[in-house]
Amino acid sequence: MIGVVVVTHSSLGYEFIKAAEMIVGPADQLQAVSIDRSIAVETVQHQLREVLNEVGRDGDGVIILTDMFGGTPTNISAEFLQDPLVEIITGVNLPMLLKCISSRDAQSVVELAVLLKEYGRKAVMRPSEMF
C-alpha cells in the first residue's frame, strides 16, 4: 500500500486526517507532519524522514500532500523526492485526501500523483455556477 504523509503549516495536516477518518474510518500508513516556527528545520527534516520510513515500510512508495507550493512544508518535503517512490502534490484538500486513501492500492506512486493532481483541481467548485 502506498503511504501518505500530509505536511502542512501548523496542525492543518492532522485536522485533514481527522476529518478524512471521520468520513472513511481509520486509515493505515497515513500520518501528518506539522511545520511550526518554533521547531528547527533540522528537527522537522528528521521527523519527516522517520514518518516517511514508517508509512513507506512496505516499499510501495509514499505520496506527500502539502498545503501550498513554495511554502516551507513543500520545500522541506522536496528534499525527499525520489522518483518513482516518493511524489509530492501541493494544495491538499479534503476530497484529494479521501481520493488518495481510497485509490492507493490500485496504482503506482506516479499514477496516483497524476490522478490526485487532477482530482484536487476538479474538487474546487463554485456552487453558484451550478444553480
N, C-alpha and C. Protein backbone atom coordinates (compact mmCIF):
# COMPACT_ATOMS: atom_id res chain seq x y z
N MET A 1 0.85 -1.18 0.00
CA MET A 1 0.00 0.00 0.00
C MET A 1 0.89 1.24 0.00
N ILE A 2 0.54 2.22 -0.79
CA ILE A 2 1.26 3.48 -0.83
C ILE A 2 0.99 4.24 0.46
N GLY A 3 2.05 4.70 1.11
CA GLY A 3 1.92 5.51 2.31
C GLY A 3 1.57 6.94 1.97
N VAL A 4 0.98 7.65 2.92
CA VAL A 4 0.58 9.03 2.71
C VAL A 4 1.03 9.87 3.91
N VAL A 5 1.69 10.99 3.62
CA VAL A 5 2.08 11.94 4.65
C VAL A 5 1.54 13.30 4.27
N VAL A 6 0.82 13.93 5.18
CA VAL A 6 0.28 15.27 4.96
C VAL A 6 1.17 16.24 5.73
N VAL A 7 1.90 17.08 4.99
CA VAL A 7 2.86 18.01 5.59
C VAL A 7 2.33 19.42 5.39
N THR A 8 2.05 20.12 6.51
CA THR A 8 1.40 21.43 6.42
C THR A 8 1.94 22.39 7.47
N HIS A 9 1.59 23.65 7.27
CA HIS A 9 1.81 24.65 8.30
C HIS A 9 0.89 24.33 9.48
N SER A 10 1.38 24.56 10.67
CA SER A 10 0.62 24.35 11.89
C SER A 10 0.04 22.93 11.92
N SER A 11 -1.12 22.75 12.48
CA SER A 11 -1.69 21.40 12.64
C SER A 11 -2.74 21.08 11.57
N LEU A 12 -2.71 21.79 10.46
CA LEU A 12 -3.69 21.58 9.39
C LEU A 12 -3.71 20.14 8.91
N GLY A 13 -2.56 19.53 8.75
CA GLY A 13 -2.49 18.15 8.27
C GLY A 13 -3.19 17.17 9.20
N TYR A 14 -2.98 17.35 10.50
CA TYR A 14 -3.66 16.48 11.47
C TYR A 14 -5.17 16.63 11.37
N GLU A 15 -5.62 17.85 11.16
CA GLU A 15 -7.05 18.09 11.05
C GLU A 15 -7.63 17.50 9.77
N PHE A 16 -6.88 17.57 8.66
CA PHE A 16 -7.33 16.90 7.43
C PHE A 16 -7.48 15.40 7.67
N ILE A 17 -6.52 14.81 8.32
CA ILE A 17 -6.58 13.37 8.60
C ILE A 17 -7.75 13.05 9.52
N LYS A 18 -7.93 13.85 10.53
CA LYS A 18 -9.05 13.65 11.46
C LYS A 18 -10.38 13.70 10.72
N ALA A 19 -10.55 14.68 9.83
CA ALA A 19 -11.78 14.80 9.06
C ALA A 19 -11.95 13.63 8.11
N ALA A 20 -10.88 13.23 7.43
CA ALA A 20 -10.96 12.10 6.49
C ALA A 20 -11.33 10.82 7.21
N GLU A 21 -10.72 10.58 8.36
CA GLU A 21 -11.02 9.35 9.10
C GLU A 21 -12.42 9.38 9.70
N MET A 22 -12.97 10.56 9.93
CA MET A 22 -14.35 10.65 10.38
C MET A 22 -15.28 10.15 9.27
N ILE A 23 -14.88 10.39 8.03
CA ILE A 23 -15.70 10.00 6.87
C ILE A 23 -15.49 8.54 6.49
N VAL A 24 -14.24 8.10 6.40
CA VAL A 24 -13.95 6.75 5.88
C VAL A 24 -13.48 5.76 6.94
N GLY A 25 -13.30 6.21 8.16
CA GLY A 25 -12.78 5.34 9.20
C GLY A 25 -11.25 5.39 9.24
N PRO A 26 -10.66 4.70 10.20
CA PRO A 26 -9.21 4.72 10.36
C PRO A 26 -8.49 4.24 9.10
N ALA A 27 -7.38 4.91 8.79
CA ALA A 27 -6.60 4.57 7.60
C ALA A 27 -5.17 4.23 8.02
N ASP A 28 -4.65 3.14 7.49
CA ASP A 28 -3.28 2.73 7.77
C ASP A 28 -2.30 3.54 6.94
N GLN A 29 -1.08 3.58 7.41
CA GLN A 29 0.03 4.22 6.69
C GLN A 29 -0.31 5.64 6.26
N LEU A 30 -0.90 6.39 7.18
CA LEU A 30 -1.30 7.77 6.96
C LEU A 30 -0.90 8.58 8.19
N GLN A 31 -0.06 9.59 7.98
CA GLN A 31 0.39 10.43 9.09
C GLN A 31 0.54 11.87 8.64
N ALA A 32 0.62 12.76 9.63
CA ALA A 32 0.83 14.18 9.36
C ALA A 32 2.13 14.64 10.00
N VAL A 33 2.71 15.65 9.40
CA VAL A 33 3.87 16.34 9.97
C VAL A 33 3.54 17.83 9.93
N SER A 34 3.68 18.47 11.08
CA SER A 34 3.38 19.89 11.19
C SER A 34 4.66 20.71 11.14
N ILE A 35 4.59 21.84 10.45
CA ILE A 35 5.69 22.79 10.40
C ILE A 35 5.29 23.99 11.24
N ASP A 36 6.13 24.32 12.20
CA ASP A 36 5.85 25.42 13.11
C ASP A 36 7.12 26.25 13.27
N ARG A 37 6.97 27.54 13.40
CA ARG A 37 8.14 28.42 13.55
C ARG A 37 9.02 28.06 14.74
N SER A 38 8.43 27.47 15.75
CA SER A 38 9.19 27.17 16.97
C SER A 38 10.05 25.91 16.84
N ILE A 39 9.91 25.17 15.74
CA ILE A 39 10.65 23.92 15.55
C ILE A 39 11.74 24.14 14.51
N ALA A 40 12.94 23.72 14.85
CA ALA A 40 14.07 23.88 13.93
C ALA A 40 13.86 23.05 12.67
N VAL A 41 14.34 23.56 11.54
CA VAL A 41 14.20 22.87 10.26
C VAL A 41 14.81 21.47 10.34
N GLU A 42 15.95 21.34 10.98
CA GLU A 42 16.61 20.04 11.10
C GLU A 42 15.74 19.04 11.86
N THR A 43 15.03 19.52 12.86
CA THR A 43 14.13 18.66 13.63
C THR A 43 12.99 18.16 12.75
N VAL A 44 12.42 19.06 11.96
CA VAL A 44 11.33 18.69 11.06
C VAL A 44 11.83 17.71 10.00
N GLN A 45 13.01 17.95 9.45
CA GLN A 45 13.59 17.03 8.46
C GLN A 45 13.74 15.63 9.05
N HIS A 46 14.24 15.57 10.26
CA HIS A 46 14.41 14.27 10.92
C HIS A 46 13.06 13.59 11.15
N GLN A 47 12.09 14.36 11.62
CA GLN A 47 10.75 13.81 11.87
C GLN A 47 10.14 13.32 10.56
N LEU A 48 10.25 14.11 9.50
CA LEU A 48 9.68 13.71 8.22
C LEU A 48 10.35 12.45 7.69
N ARG A 49 11.66 12.35 7.82
CA ARG A 49 12.38 11.16 7.39
C ARG A 49 11.85 9.91 8.12
N GLU A 50 11.66 10.03 9.43
CA GLU A 50 11.14 8.91 10.21
C GLU A 50 9.72 8.52 9.79
N VAL A 51 8.88 9.52 9.58
CA VAL A 51 7.49 9.27 9.17
C VAL A 51 7.46 8.63 7.78
N LEU A 52 8.28 9.12 6.86
CA LEU A 52 8.34 8.53 5.52
C LEU A 52 8.76 7.06 5.58
N ASN A 53 9.73 6.76 6.42
CA ASN A 53 10.16 5.37 6.57
C ASN A 53 9.05 4.50 7.16
N GLU A 54 8.31 5.07 8.09
CA GLU A 54 7.23 4.30 8.73
C GLU A 54 6.06 4.04 7.77
N VAL A 55 5.56 5.09 7.11
CA VAL A 55 4.40 4.88 6.24
C VAL A 55 4.78 4.18 4.94
N GLY A 56 6.04 4.24 4.57
CA GLY A 56 6.50 3.58 3.35
C GLY A 56 7.17 2.25 3.61
N ARG A 57 6.92 1.68 4.76
CA ARG A 57 7.62 0.47 5.22
C ARG A 57 7.46 -0.73 4.29
N ASP A 58 6.40 -0.81 3.52
CA ASP A 58 6.22 -2.00 2.68
C ASP A 58 6.83 -1.83 1.28
N GLY A 59 7.42 -0.67 1.01
CA GLY A 59 8.16 -0.49 -0.23
C GLY A 59 7.34 -0.08 -1.44
N ASP A 60 6.05 0.22 -1.27
CA ASP A 60 5.22 0.63 -2.40
C ASP A 60 5.33 2.12 -2.70
N GLY A 61 6.02 2.87 -1.87
CA GLY A 61 6.21 4.29 -2.09
C GLY A 61 5.35 5.15 -1.19
N VAL A 62 5.52 6.45 -1.34
CA VAL A 62 4.83 7.42 -0.48
C VAL A 62 4.41 8.63 -1.30
N ILE A 63 3.21 9.09 -1.04
CA ILE A 63 2.71 10.37 -1.55
C ILE A 63 2.77 11.36 -0.40
N ILE A 64 3.39 12.51 -0.65
CA ILE A 64 3.40 13.59 0.32
C ILE A 64 2.43 14.65 -0.19
N LEU A 65 1.45 15.00 0.63
CA LEU A 65 0.49 16.05 0.31
C LEU A 65 0.85 17.27 1.14
N THR A 66 1.09 18.40 0.49
CA THR A 66 1.44 19.62 1.21
C THR A 66 0.40 20.69 0.96
N ASP A 67 0.42 21.73 1.80
CA ASP A 67 -0.63 22.73 1.72
C ASP A 67 -0.45 23.74 0.59
N MET A 68 0.79 24.15 0.29
CA MET A 68 0.95 25.11 -0.80
C MET A 68 2.35 25.07 -1.39
N PHE A 69 2.39 25.25 -2.69
CA PHE A 69 3.66 25.28 -3.41
C PHE A 69 4.46 26.50 -2.96
N GLY A 70 5.75 26.30 -2.74
CA GLY A 70 6.62 27.39 -2.33
C GLY A 70 6.70 27.60 -0.84
N GLY A 71 5.83 26.95 -0.08
CA GLY A 71 5.85 27.07 1.37
C GLY A 71 6.87 26.12 1.99
N THR A 72 7.19 26.38 3.23
CA THR A 72 8.17 25.56 3.94
C THR A 72 7.83 24.07 3.94
N PRO A 73 6.57 23.68 4.14
CA PRO A 73 6.27 22.24 4.10
C PRO A 73 6.67 21.59 2.77
N THR A 74 6.41 22.27 1.67
CA THR A 74 6.77 21.73 0.36
C THR A 74 8.28 21.76 0.16
N ASN A 75 8.90 22.84 0.57
CA ASN A 75 10.35 22.96 0.40
C ASN A 75 11.10 21.89 1.17
N ILE A 76 10.69 21.63 2.40
CA ILE A 76 11.33 20.57 3.19
C ILE A 76 11.03 19.21 2.59
N SER A 77 9.80 18.99 2.17
CA SER A 77 9.41 17.71 1.57
C SER A 77 10.17 17.43 0.28
N ALA A 78 10.48 18.48 -0.48
CA ALA A 78 11.16 18.30 -1.77
C ALA A 78 12.51 17.62 -1.62
N GLU A 79 13.12 17.73 -0.47
CA GLU A 79 14.39 17.06 -0.22
C GLU A 79 14.26 15.54 -0.26
N PHE A 80 13.02 15.06 -0.13
CA PHE A 80 12.78 13.62 -0.07
C PHE A 80 12.19 13.05 -1.36
N LEU A 81 12.06 13.89 -2.40
CA LEU A 81 11.57 13.39 -3.69
C LEU A 81 12.48 12.29 -4.18
N GLN A 82 11.87 11.20 -4.62
CA GLN A 82 12.65 10.06 -5.10
C GLN A 82 11.81 9.33 -6.14
N ASP A 83 12.00 9.70 -7.38
CA ASP A 83 11.25 9.09 -8.48
C ASP A 83 11.66 7.63 -8.61
N PRO A 84 10.77 6.69 -8.67
CA PRO A 84 9.31 6.78 -8.67
C PRO A 84 8.68 6.44 -7.32
N LEU A 85 9.42 6.55 -6.22
CA LEU A 85 8.91 6.08 -4.93
C LEU A 85 8.31 7.16 -4.03
N VAL A 86 8.70 8.41 -4.22
CA VAL A 86 8.15 9.50 -3.40
C VAL A 86 7.73 10.63 -4.32
N GLU A 87 6.48 11.03 -4.22
CA GLU A 87 5.92 12.13 -5.01
C GLU A 87 5.31 13.15 -4.06
N ILE A 88 5.25 14.39 -4.50
CA ILE A 88 4.61 15.47 -3.74
C ILE A 88 3.50 16.07 -4.57
N ILE A 89 2.36 16.29 -3.93
CA ILE A 89 1.26 17.03 -4.54
C ILE A 89 0.96 18.19 -3.59
N THR A 90 0.93 19.41 -4.12
CA THR A 90 0.64 20.58 -3.30
C THR A 90 -0.83 20.95 -3.41
N GLY A 91 -1.28 21.80 -2.48
CA GLY A 91 -2.66 22.25 -2.50
C GLY A 91 -3.64 21.23 -1.95
N VAL A 92 -3.21 20.49 -0.94
CA VAL A 92 -4.06 19.42 -0.40
C VAL A 92 -5.44 19.97 -0.01
N ASN A 93 -6.46 19.18 -0.33
CA ASN A 93 -7.81 19.47 0.13
C ASN A 93 -8.45 18.15 0.56
N LEU A 94 -9.55 18.23 1.24
CA LEU A 94 -10.17 17.02 1.79
C LEU A 94 -10.58 16.02 0.70
N PRO A 95 -11.22 16.45 -0.40
CA PRO A 95 -11.53 15.47 -1.45
C PRO A 95 -10.28 14.77 -1.99
N MET A 96 -9.19 15.51 -2.14
CA MET A 96 -7.94 14.92 -2.63
C MET A 96 -7.44 13.86 -1.65
N LEU A 97 -7.46 14.17 -0.37
CA LEU A 97 -7.01 13.20 0.63
C LEU A 97 -7.89 11.96 0.64
N LEU A 98 -9.20 12.15 0.55
CA LEU A 98 -10.11 11.00 0.50
C LEU A 98 -9.84 10.12 -0.73
N LYS A 99 -9.63 10.74 -1.87
CA LYS A 99 -9.33 10.00 -3.10
C LYS A 99 -8.01 9.26 -2.94
N CYS A 100 -7.05 9.89 -2.32
CA CYS A 100 -5.74 9.27 -2.10
C CYS A 100 -5.88 8.01 -1.24
N ILE A 101 -6.62 8.13 -0.16
CA ILE A 101 -6.82 6.98 0.74
C ILE A 101 -7.51 5.84 0.01
N SER A 102 -8.49 6.16 -0.82
CA SER A 102 -9.28 5.10 -1.48
C SER A 102 -8.62 4.53 -2.73
N SER A 103 -7.62 5.21 -3.27
CA SER A 103 -7.05 4.79 -4.56
C SER A 103 -5.61 4.30 -4.47
N ARG A 104 -5.03 4.26 -3.32
CA ARG A 104 -3.60 3.98 -3.23
C ARG A 104 -3.20 2.53 -3.34
N ASP A 105 -4.15 1.62 -3.39
CA ASP A 105 -3.82 0.20 -3.55
C ASP A 105 -3.75 -0.23 -5.01
N ALA A 106 -4.33 0.55 -5.90
CA ALA A 106 -4.54 0.08 -7.27
C ALA A 106 -3.55 0.61 -8.30
N GLN A 107 -2.57 1.43 -7.88
CA GLN A 107 -1.68 2.02 -8.88
C GLN A 107 -0.32 2.35 -8.30
N SER A 108 0.56 2.81 -9.16
CA SER A 108 1.90 3.21 -8.72
C SER A 108 1.84 4.60 -8.09
N VAL A 109 2.94 4.99 -7.45
CA VAL A 109 3.02 6.31 -6.85
C VAL A 109 2.85 7.39 -7.92
N VAL A 110 3.51 7.23 -9.04
CA VAL A 110 3.42 8.23 -10.11
C VAL A 110 2.00 8.32 -10.65
N GLU A 111 1.37 7.18 -10.90
CA GLU A 111 -0.02 7.19 -11.40
C GLU A 111 -0.96 7.85 -10.39
N LEU A 112 -0.76 7.54 -9.11
CA LEU A 112 -1.60 8.13 -8.08
C LEU A 112 -1.38 9.65 -8.00
N ALA A 113 -0.15 10.09 -8.13
CA ALA A 113 0.15 11.52 -8.10
C ALA A 113 -0.56 12.26 -9.23
N VAL A 114 -0.53 11.69 -10.42
CA VAL A 114 -1.20 12.31 -11.58
C VAL A 114 -2.71 12.37 -11.32
N LEU A 115 -3.28 11.28 -10.83
CA LEU A 115 -4.71 11.24 -10.52
C LEU A 115 -5.07 12.30 -9.48
N LEU A 116 -4.29 12.41 -8.42
CA LEU A 116 -4.61 13.34 -7.34
C LEU A 116 -4.51 14.80 -7.78
N LYS A 117 -3.54 15.10 -8.61
CA LYS A 117 -3.40 16.47 -9.10
C LYS A 117 -4.67 16.90 -9.83
N GLU A 118 -5.14 16.07 -10.72
CA GLU A 118 -6.35 16.39 -11.48
C GLU A 118 -7.60 16.35 -10.59
N TYR A 119 -7.68 15.37 -9.73
CA TYR A 119 -8.84 15.23 -8.86
C TYR A 119 -8.97 16.43 -7.92
N GLY A 120 -7.83 16.87 -7.36
CA GLY A 120 -7.85 18.03 -6.48
C GLY A 120 -8.34 19.27 -7.17
N ARG A 121 -7.94 19.45 -8.42
CA ARG A 121 -8.40 20.61 -9.19
C ARG A 121 -9.91 20.53 -9.43
N LYS A 122 -10.39 19.36 -9.79
CA LYS A 122 -11.82 19.21 -10.07
C LYS A 122 -12.68 19.36 -8.82
N ALA A 123 -12.08 19.16 -7.65
CA ALA A 123 -12.83 19.26 -6.40
C ALA A 123 -13.09 20.70 -5.99
N VAL A 124 -12.40 21.64 -6.61
CA VAL A 124 -12.64 23.05 -6.32
C VAL A 124 -13.80 23.51 -7.18
N MET A 125 -14.86 23.91 -6.51
CA MET A 125 -16.11 24.24 -7.20
C MET A 125 -16.60 25.62 -6.77
N ARG A 126 -17.43 26.18 -7.60
CA ARG A 126 -18.16 27.40 -7.27
C ARG A 126 -19.64 27.06 -7.43
N PRO A 127 -20.31 26.67 -6.33
CA PRO A 127 -21.69 26.19 -6.42
C PRO A 127 -22.65 27.13 -7.13
N SER A 128 -22.44 28.43 -7.04
CA SER A 128 -23.38 29.36 -7.69
C SER A 128 -23.38 29.17 -9.21
N GLU A 129 -22.32 28.64 -9.77
CA GLU A 129 -22.29 28.38 -11.21
C GLU A 129 -23.15 27.18 -11.58
N MET A 130 -23.50 26.38 -10.59
CA MET A 130 -24.26 25.17 -10.86
C MET A 130 -25.77 25.40 -10.75
N PHE A 131 -26.16 26.50 -10.15
CA PHE A 131 -27.59 26.75 -9.93
C PHE A 131 -28.18 27.60 -11.00
